[in-house]
Amino acid sequence: MAAIKGHDTKPELRIRKGLHRLGYRYRLHDKTLPGKPDLVLPKYRAAIFINGCFWHLHDCHMFK
């Protein structure tokens, strides 16, 4: 479990880059909210949780 990253994973970075390119501004890993969401869009009062292959337990080449 120590090898599983909680921040700056590949799926998270892709979504962050895409949202930033579209002009959305967000906060990262807001500790004041329950569950520490990966992205928080304060203007829209939205929280985004990004779960990678490890957490979904599906069978793909990225799951280790």
PDB file of N, CA and C in Angstrom:
ATOM      1  N   MET A   1       0.815  -1.201   0.000  1.00  0.00           N
ATOM      2  CA  MET A   1       0.000   0.000   0.000  1.00  0.00           C
ATOM      3  C   MET A   1       0.858   1.264   0.000  1.00  0.00           C
ATOM      4  N   ALA A   2       2.075   1.176   0.483  1.00  0.00           N
ATOM      5  CA  ALA A   2       2.921   2.363   0.533  1.00  0.00           C
ATOM      6  C   ALA A   2       3.269   2.876  -0.860  1.00  0.00           C
ATOM      7  N   ALA A   3       3.229   2.003  -1.859  1.00  0.00           N
ATOM      8  CA  ALA A   3       3.573   2.404  -3.221  1.00  0.00           C
ATOM      9  C   ALA A   3       2.415   3.091  -3.941  1.00  0.00           C
ATOM     10  N   ILE A   4       1.204   3.027  -3.399  1.00  0.00           N
ATOM     11  CA  ILE A   4       0.045   3.639  -4.034  1.00  0.00           C
ATOM     12  C   ILE A   4       0.039   5.130  -3.716  1.00  0.00           C
ATOM     13  N   LYS A   5       0.115   5.948  -4.758  1.00  0.00           N
ATOM     14  CA  LYS A   5       0.140   7.399  -4.556  1.00  0.00           C
ATOM     15  C   LYS A   5      -1.265   7.925  -4.296  1.00  0.00           C
ATOM     16  N   GLY A   6      -1.359   8.916  -3.437  1.00  0.00           N
ATOM     17  CA  GLY A   6      -2.643   9.534  -3.162  1.00  0.00           C
ATOM     18  C   GLY A   6      -2.827  10.868  -3.854  1.00  0.00           C
ATOM     19  N   HIS A   7      -1.737  11.434  -4.325  1.00  0.00           N
ATOM     20  CA  HIS A   7      -1.771  12.745  -4.982  1.00  0.00           C
ATOM     21  C   HIS A   7      -1.021  12.668  -6.299  1.00  0.00           C
ATOM     22  N   ASP A   8      -1.413  13.499  -7.232  1.00  0.00           N
ATOM     23  CA  ASP A   8      -0.714  13.657  -8.512  1.00  0.00           C
ATOM     24  C   ASP A   8      -0.581  12.352  -9.293  1.00  0.00           C
ATOM     25  N   THR A   9      -1.646  11.575  -9.336  1.00  0.00           N
ATOM     26  CA  THR A   9      -1.645  10.360 -10.141  1.00  0.00           C
ATOM     27  C   THR A   9      -1.867  10.724 -11.603  1.00  0.00           C
ATOM     28  N   LYS A  10      -1.592   9.802 -12.514  1.00  0.00           N
ATOM     29  CA  LYS A  10      -1.742  10.088 -13.943  1.00  0.00           C
ATOM     30  C   LYS A  10      -3.174  10.494 -14.311  1.00  0.00           C
ATOM     31  N   PRO A  11      -4.201   9.748 -13.845  1.00  0.00           N
ATOM     32  CA  PRO A  11      -5.562  10.195 -14.183  1.00  0.00           C
ATOM     33  C   PRO A  11      -5.884  11.580 -13.631  1.00  0.00           C
ATOM     34  N   GLU A  12      -5.404  11.852 -12.423  1.00  0.00           N
ATOM     35  CA  GLU A  12      -5.660  13.153 -11.804  1.00  0.00           C
ATOM     36  C   GLU A  12      -4.981  14.270 -12.593  1.00  0.00           C
ATOM     37  N   LEU A  13      -3.748  14.066 -13.000  1.00  0.00           N
ATOM     38  CA  LEU A  13      -3.033  15.091 -13.758  1.00  0.00           C
ATOM     39  C   LEU A  13      -3.691  15.358 -15.106  1.00  0.00           C
ATOM     40  N   ARG A  14      -4.185  14.316 -15.760  1.00  0.00           N
ATOM     41  CA  ARG A  14      -4.859  14.501 -17.049  1.00  0.00           C
ATOM     42  C   ARG A  14      -6.116  15.346 -16.895  1.00  0.00           C
ATOM     43  N   ILE A  15      -6.895  15.041 -15.880  1.00  0.00           N
ATOM     44  CA  ILE A  15      -8.137  15.794 -15.667  1.00  0.00           C
ATOM     45  C   ILE A  15      -7.825  17.229 -15.264  1.00  0.00           C
ATOM     46  N   ARG A  16      -6.818  17.422 -14.422  1.00  0.00           N
ATOM     47  CA  ARG A  16      -6.431  18.772 -14.015  1.00  0.00           C
ATOM     48  C   ARG A  16      -5.995  19.603 -15.208  1.00  0.00           C
ATOM     49  N   LYS A  17      -5.163  19.032 -16.073  1.00  0.00           N
ATOM     50  CA  LYS A  17      -4.700  19.766 -17.256  1.00  0.00           C
ATOM     51  C   LYS A  17      -5.861  20.124 -18.174  1.00  0.00           C
ATOM     52  N   GLY A  18      -6.777  19.182 -18.364  1.00  0.00           N
ATOM     53  CA  GLY A  18      -7.928  19.442 -19.220  1.00  0.00           C
ATOM     54  C   GLY A  18      -8.829  20.531 -18.669  1.00  0.00           C
ATOM     55  N   LEU A  19      -9.111  20.476 -17.372  1.00  0.00           N
ATOM     56  CA  LEU A  19      -9.956  21.509 -16.761  1.00  0.00           C
ATOM     57  C   LEU A  19      -9.287  22.872 -16.823  1.00  0.00           C
ATOM     58  N   HIS A  20      -7.989  22.916 -16.572  1.00  0.00           N
ATOM     59  CA  HIS A  20      -7.265  24.192 -16.608  1.00  0.00           C
ATOM     60  C   HIS A  20      -7.260  24.751 -18.024  1.00  0.00           C
ATOM     61  N   ARG A  21      -7.086  23.891 -19.012  1.00  0.00           N
ATOM     62  CA  ARG A  21      -7.085  24.322 -20.406  1.00  0.00           C
ATOM     63  C   ARG A  21      -8.436  24.908 -20.802  1.00  0.00           C
ATOM     64  N   LEU A  22      -9.527  24.357 -20.209  1.00  0.00           N
ATOM     65  CA  LEU A  22     -10.868  24.866 -20.501  1.00  0.00           C
ATOM     66  C   LEU A  22     -11.223  26.116 -19.703  1.00  0.00           C
ATOM     67  N   GLY A  23     -10.329  26.528 -18.805  1.00  0.00           N
ATOM     68  CA  GLY A  23     -10.550  27.763 -18.075  1.00  0.00           C
ATOM     69  C   GLY A  23     -11.118  27.594 -16.675  1.00  0.00           C
ATOM     70  N   TYR A  24     -11.271  26.360 -16.223  1.00  0.00           N
ATOM     71  CA  TYR A  24     -11.778  26.124 -14.867  1.00  0.00           C
ATOM     72  C   TYR A  24     -10.649  26.308 -13.860  1.00  0.00           C
ATOM     73  N   ARG A  25     -10.985  26.896 -12.727  1.00  0.00           N
ATOM     74  CA  ARG A  25     -10.018  27.059 -11.644  1.00  0.00           C
ATOM     75  C   ARG A  25     -10.474  26.227 -10.463  1.00  0.00           C
ATOM     76  N   TYR A  26      -9.540  25.622  -9.785  1.00  0.00           N
ATOM     77  CA  TYR A  26      -9.881  24.655  -8.749  1.00  0.00           C
ATOM     78  C   TYR A  26      -8.849  24.679  -7.628  1.00  0.00           C
ATOM     79  N   ARG A  27      -9.209  24.048  -6.538  1.00  0.00           N
ATOM     80  CA  ARG A  27      -8.298  23.822  -5.413  1.00  0.00           C
ATOM     81  C   ARG A  27      -7.986  22.336  -5.362  1.00  0.00           C
ATOM     82  N   LEU A  28      -6.811  22.004  -4.856  1.00  0.00           N
ATOM     83  CA  LEU A  28      -6.394  20.606  -4.770  1.00  0.00           C
ATOM     84  C   LEU A  28      -6.498  20.100  -3.339  1.00  0.00           C
ATOM     85  N   HIS A  29      -7.078  18.919  -3.176  1.00  0.00           N
ATOM     86  CA  HIS A  29      -7.073  18.171  -1.916  1.00  0.00           C
ATOM     87  C   HIS A  29      -7.449  19.039  -0.715  1.00  0.00           C
ATOM     88  N   ASP A  30      -8.612  19.619  -0.760  1.00  0.00           N
ATOM     89  CA  ASP A  30      -9.086  20.509   0.298  1.00  0.00           C
ATOM     90  C   ASP A  30      -9.368  19.718   1.575  1.00  0.00           C
ATOM     91  N   LYS A  31      -8.552  19.939   2.583  1.00  0.00           N
ATOM     92  CA  LYS A  31      -8.656  19.176   3.832  1.00  0.00           C
ATOM     93  C   LYS A  31      -9.832  19.599   4.697  1.00  0.00           C
ATOM     94  N   THR A  32     -10.469  20.714   4.352  1.00  0.00           N
ATOM     95  CA  THR A  32     -11.610  21.165   5.155  1.00  0.00           C
ATOM     96  C   THR A  32     -12.898  20.449   4.770  1.00  0.00           C
ATOM     97  N   LEU A  33     -12.898  19.748   3.636  1.00  0.00           N
ATOM     98  CA  LEU A  33     -14.085  19.027   3.184  1.00  0.00           C
ATOM     99  C   LEU A  33     -13.967  17.544   3.534  1.00  0.00           C
ATOM    100  N   PRO A  34     -15.094  16.885   3.784  1.00  0.00           N
ATOM    101  CA  PRO A  34     -15.037  15.461   4.117  1.00  0.00           C
ATOM    102  C   PRO A  34     -14.511  14.629   2.949  1.00  0.00           C
ATOM    103  N   GLY A  35     -13.599  13.729   3.241  1.00  0.00           N
ATOM    104  CA  GLY A  35     -13.050  12.843   2.227  1.00  0.00           C
ATOM    105  C   GLY A  35     -11.885  13.420   1.449  1.00  0.00           C
ATOM    106  N   LYS A  36     -11.500  14.658   1.677  1.00  0.00           N
ATOM    107  CA  LYS A  36     -10.438  15.346   0.952  1.00  0.00           C
ATOM    108  C   LYS A  36     -10.544  15.122  -0.563  1.00  0.00           C
ATOM    109  N   PRO A  37     -11.509  15.759  -1.215  1.00  0.00           N
ATOM    110  CA  PRO A  37     -11.668  15.565  -2.664  1.00  0.00           C
ATOM    111  C   PRO A  37     -10.412  15.981  -3.426  1.00  0.00           C
ATOM    112  N   ASP A  38     -10.184  15.322  -4.559  1.00  0.00           N
ATOM    113  CA  ASP A  38      -9.003  15.617  -5.364  1.00  0.00           C
ATOM    114  C   ASP A  38      -9.056  17.024  -5.953  1.00  0.00           C
ATOM    115  N   LEU A  39     -10.206  17.420  -6.421  1.00  0.00           N
ATOM    116  CA  LEU A  39     -10.388  18.759  -6.987  1.00  0.00           C
ATOM    117  C   LEU A  39     -11.651  19.380  -6.418  1.00  0.00           C
ATOM    118  N   VAL A  40     -11.576  20.667  -6.118  1.00  0.00           N
ATOM    119  CA  VAL A  40     -12.745  21.401  -5.647  1.00  0.00           C
ATOM    120  C   VAL A  40     -12.903  22.627  -6.534  1.00  0.00           C
ATOM    121  N   LEU A  41     -14.091  22.752  -7.113  1.00  0.00           N
ATOM    122  CA  LEU A  41     -14.423  23.910  -7.938  1.00  0.00           C
ATOM    123  C   LEU A  41     -15.319  24.814  -7.090  1.00  0.00           C
ATOM    124  N   PRO A  42     -14.733  25.775  -6.360  1.00  0.00           N
ATOM    125  CA  PRO A  42     -15.524  26.587  -5.436  1.00  0.00           C
ATOM    126  C   PRO A  42     -16.619  27.400  -6.115  1.00  0.00           C
ATOM    127  N   LYS A  43     -16.361  27.898  -7.318  1.00  0.00           N
ATOM    128  CA  LYS A  43     -17.340  28.716  -8.023  1.00  0.00           C
ATOM    129  C   LYS A  43     -18.628  27.928  -8.290  1.00  0.00           C
ATOM    130  N   TYR A  44     -18.487  26.633  -8.546  1.00  0.00           N
ATOM    131  CA  TYR A  44     -19.627  25.781  -8.876  1.00  0.00           C
ATOM    132  C   TYR A  44     -20.077  24.922  -7.696  1.00  0.00           C
ATOM    133  N   ARG A  45     -19.401  25.088  -6.563  1.00  0.00           N
ATOM    134  CA  ARG A  45     -19.692  24.299  -5.357  1.00  0.00           C
ATOM    135  C   ARG A  45     -19.690  22.806  -5.686  1.00  0.00           C
ATOM    136  N   ALA A  46     -18.624  22.381  -6.362  1.00  0.00           N
ATOM    137  CA  ALA A  46     -18.503  20.992  -6.802  1.00  0.00           C
ATOM    138  C   ALA A  46     -17.193  20.406  -6.303  1.00  0.00           C
ATOM    139  N   ALA A  47     -17.230  19.116  -5.987  1.00  0.00           N
ATOM    140  CA  ALA A  47     -16.037  18.379  -5.577  1.00  0.00           C
ATOM    141  C   ALA A  47     -15.892  17.178  -6.507  1.00  0.00           C
ATOM    142  N   ILE A  48     -14.653  16.896  -6.898  1.00  0.00           N
ATOM    143  CA  ILE A  48     -14.379  15.786  -7.809  1.00  0.00           C
ATOM    144  C   ILE A  48     -13.405  14.828  -7.136  1.00  0.00           C
ATOM    145  N   PHE A  49     -13.787  13.558  -7.087  1.00  0.00           N
ATOM    146  CA  PHE A  49     -12.920  12.501  -6.597  1.00  0.00           C
ATOM    147  C   PHE A  49     -12.475  11.685  -7.806  1.00  0.00           C
ATOM    148  N   ILE A  50     -11.170  11.465  -7.940  1.00  0.00           N
ATOM    149  CA  ILE A  50     -10.635  10.722  -9.075  1.00  0.00           C
ATOM    150  C   ILE A  50     -10.003   9.443  -8.539  1.00  0.00           C
ATOM    151  N   ASN A  51     -10.609   8.317  -8.884  1.00  0.00           N
ATOM    152  CA  ASN A  51     -10.098   7.026  -8.436  1.00  0.00           C
ATOM    153  C   ASN A  51      -9.436   6.315  -9.602  1.00  0.00           C
ATOM    154  N   GLY A  52      -8.235   5.823  -9.362  1.00  0.00           N
ATOM    155  CA  GLY A  52      -7.491   5.138 -10.406  1.00  0.00           C
ATOM    156  C   GLY A  52      -7.808   3.653 -10.461  1.00  0.00           C
ATOM    157  N   CYS A  53      -7.023   2.929 -11.223  1.00  0.00           N
ATOM    158  CA  CYS A  53      -7.245   1.504 -11.462  1.00  0.00           C
ATOM    159  C   CYS A  53      -7.152   0.692 -10.175  1.00  0.00           C
ATOM    160  N   PHE A  54      -6.283   1.062  -9.270  1.00  0.00           N
ATOM    161  CA  PHE A  54      -6.132   0.292  -8.039  1.00  0.00           C
ATOM    162  C   PHE A  54      -7.434   0.260  -7.252  1.00  0.00           C
ATOM    163  N   TRP A  55      -8.104   1.386  -7.162  1.00  0.00           N
ATOM    164  CA  TRP A  55      -9.315   1.470  -6.351  1.00  0.00           C
ATOM    165  C   TRP A  55     -10.512   0.833  -7.023  1.00  0.00           C
ATOM    166  N   HIS A  56     -10.520   0.797  -8.352  1.00  0.00           N
ATOM    167  CA  HIS A  56     -11.651   0.190  -9.056  1.00  0.00           C
ATOM    168  C   HIS A  56     -11.508  -1.321  -9.203  1.00  0.00           C
ATOM    169  N   LEU A  57     -10.301  -1.822  -9.034  1.00  0.00           N
ATOM    170  CA  LEU A  57     -10.009  -3.255  -9.096  1.00  0.00           C
ATOM    171  C   LEU A  57     -10.422  -3.906 -10.409  1.00  0.00           C
ATOM    172  N   HIS A  58     -10.365  -3.172 -11.501  1.00  0.00           N
ATOM    173  CA  HIS A  58     -10.652  -3.814 -12.781  1.00  0.00           C
ATOM    174  C   HIS A  58      -9.353  -4.341 -13.370  1.00  0.00           C
ATOM    175  N   ASP A  59      -9.464  -5.220 -14.316  1.00  0.00           N
ATOM    176  CA  ASP A  59      -8.302  -5.895 -14.874  1.00  0.00           C
ATOM    177  C   ASP A  59      -7.800  -5.135 -16.101  1.00  0.00           C
ATOM    178  N   CYS A  60      -6.768  -4.347 -15.895  1.00  0.00           N
ATOM    179  CA  CYS A  60      -6.138  -3.658 -17.030  1.00  0.00           C
ATOM    180  C   CYS A  60      -4.636  -3.638 -16.797  1.00  0.00           C
ATOM    181  N   HIS A  61      -3.894  -3.146 -17.773  1.00  0.00           N
ATOM    182  CA  HIS A  61      -2.436  -3.162 -17.680  1.00  0.00           C
ATOM    183  C   HIS A  61      -1.884  -2.200 -16.614  1.00  0.00           C
ATOM    184  N   MET A  62      -2.697  -1.244 -16.179  1.00  0.00           N
ATOM    185  CA  MET A  62      -2.224  -0.275 -15.194  1.00  0.00           C
ATOM    186  C   MET A  62      -2.404  -0.764 -13.750  1.00  0.00           C
ATOM    187  N   PHE A  63      -3.194  -1.792 -13.559  1.00  0.00           N
ATOM    188  CA  PHE A  63      -3.466  -2.299 -12.210  1.00  0.00           C
ATOM    189  C   PHE A  63      -2.315  -3.190 -11.758  1.00  0.00           C
ATOM    190  N   LYS A  64      -1.769  -2.884 -10.583  1.00  0.00           N
ATOM    191  CA  LYS A  64      -0.669  -3.684 -10.036  1.00  0.00           C
ATOM    192  C   LYS A  64      -0.987  -4.050  -8.608  1.00  0.00           C
TER     193      LYS A  64
END
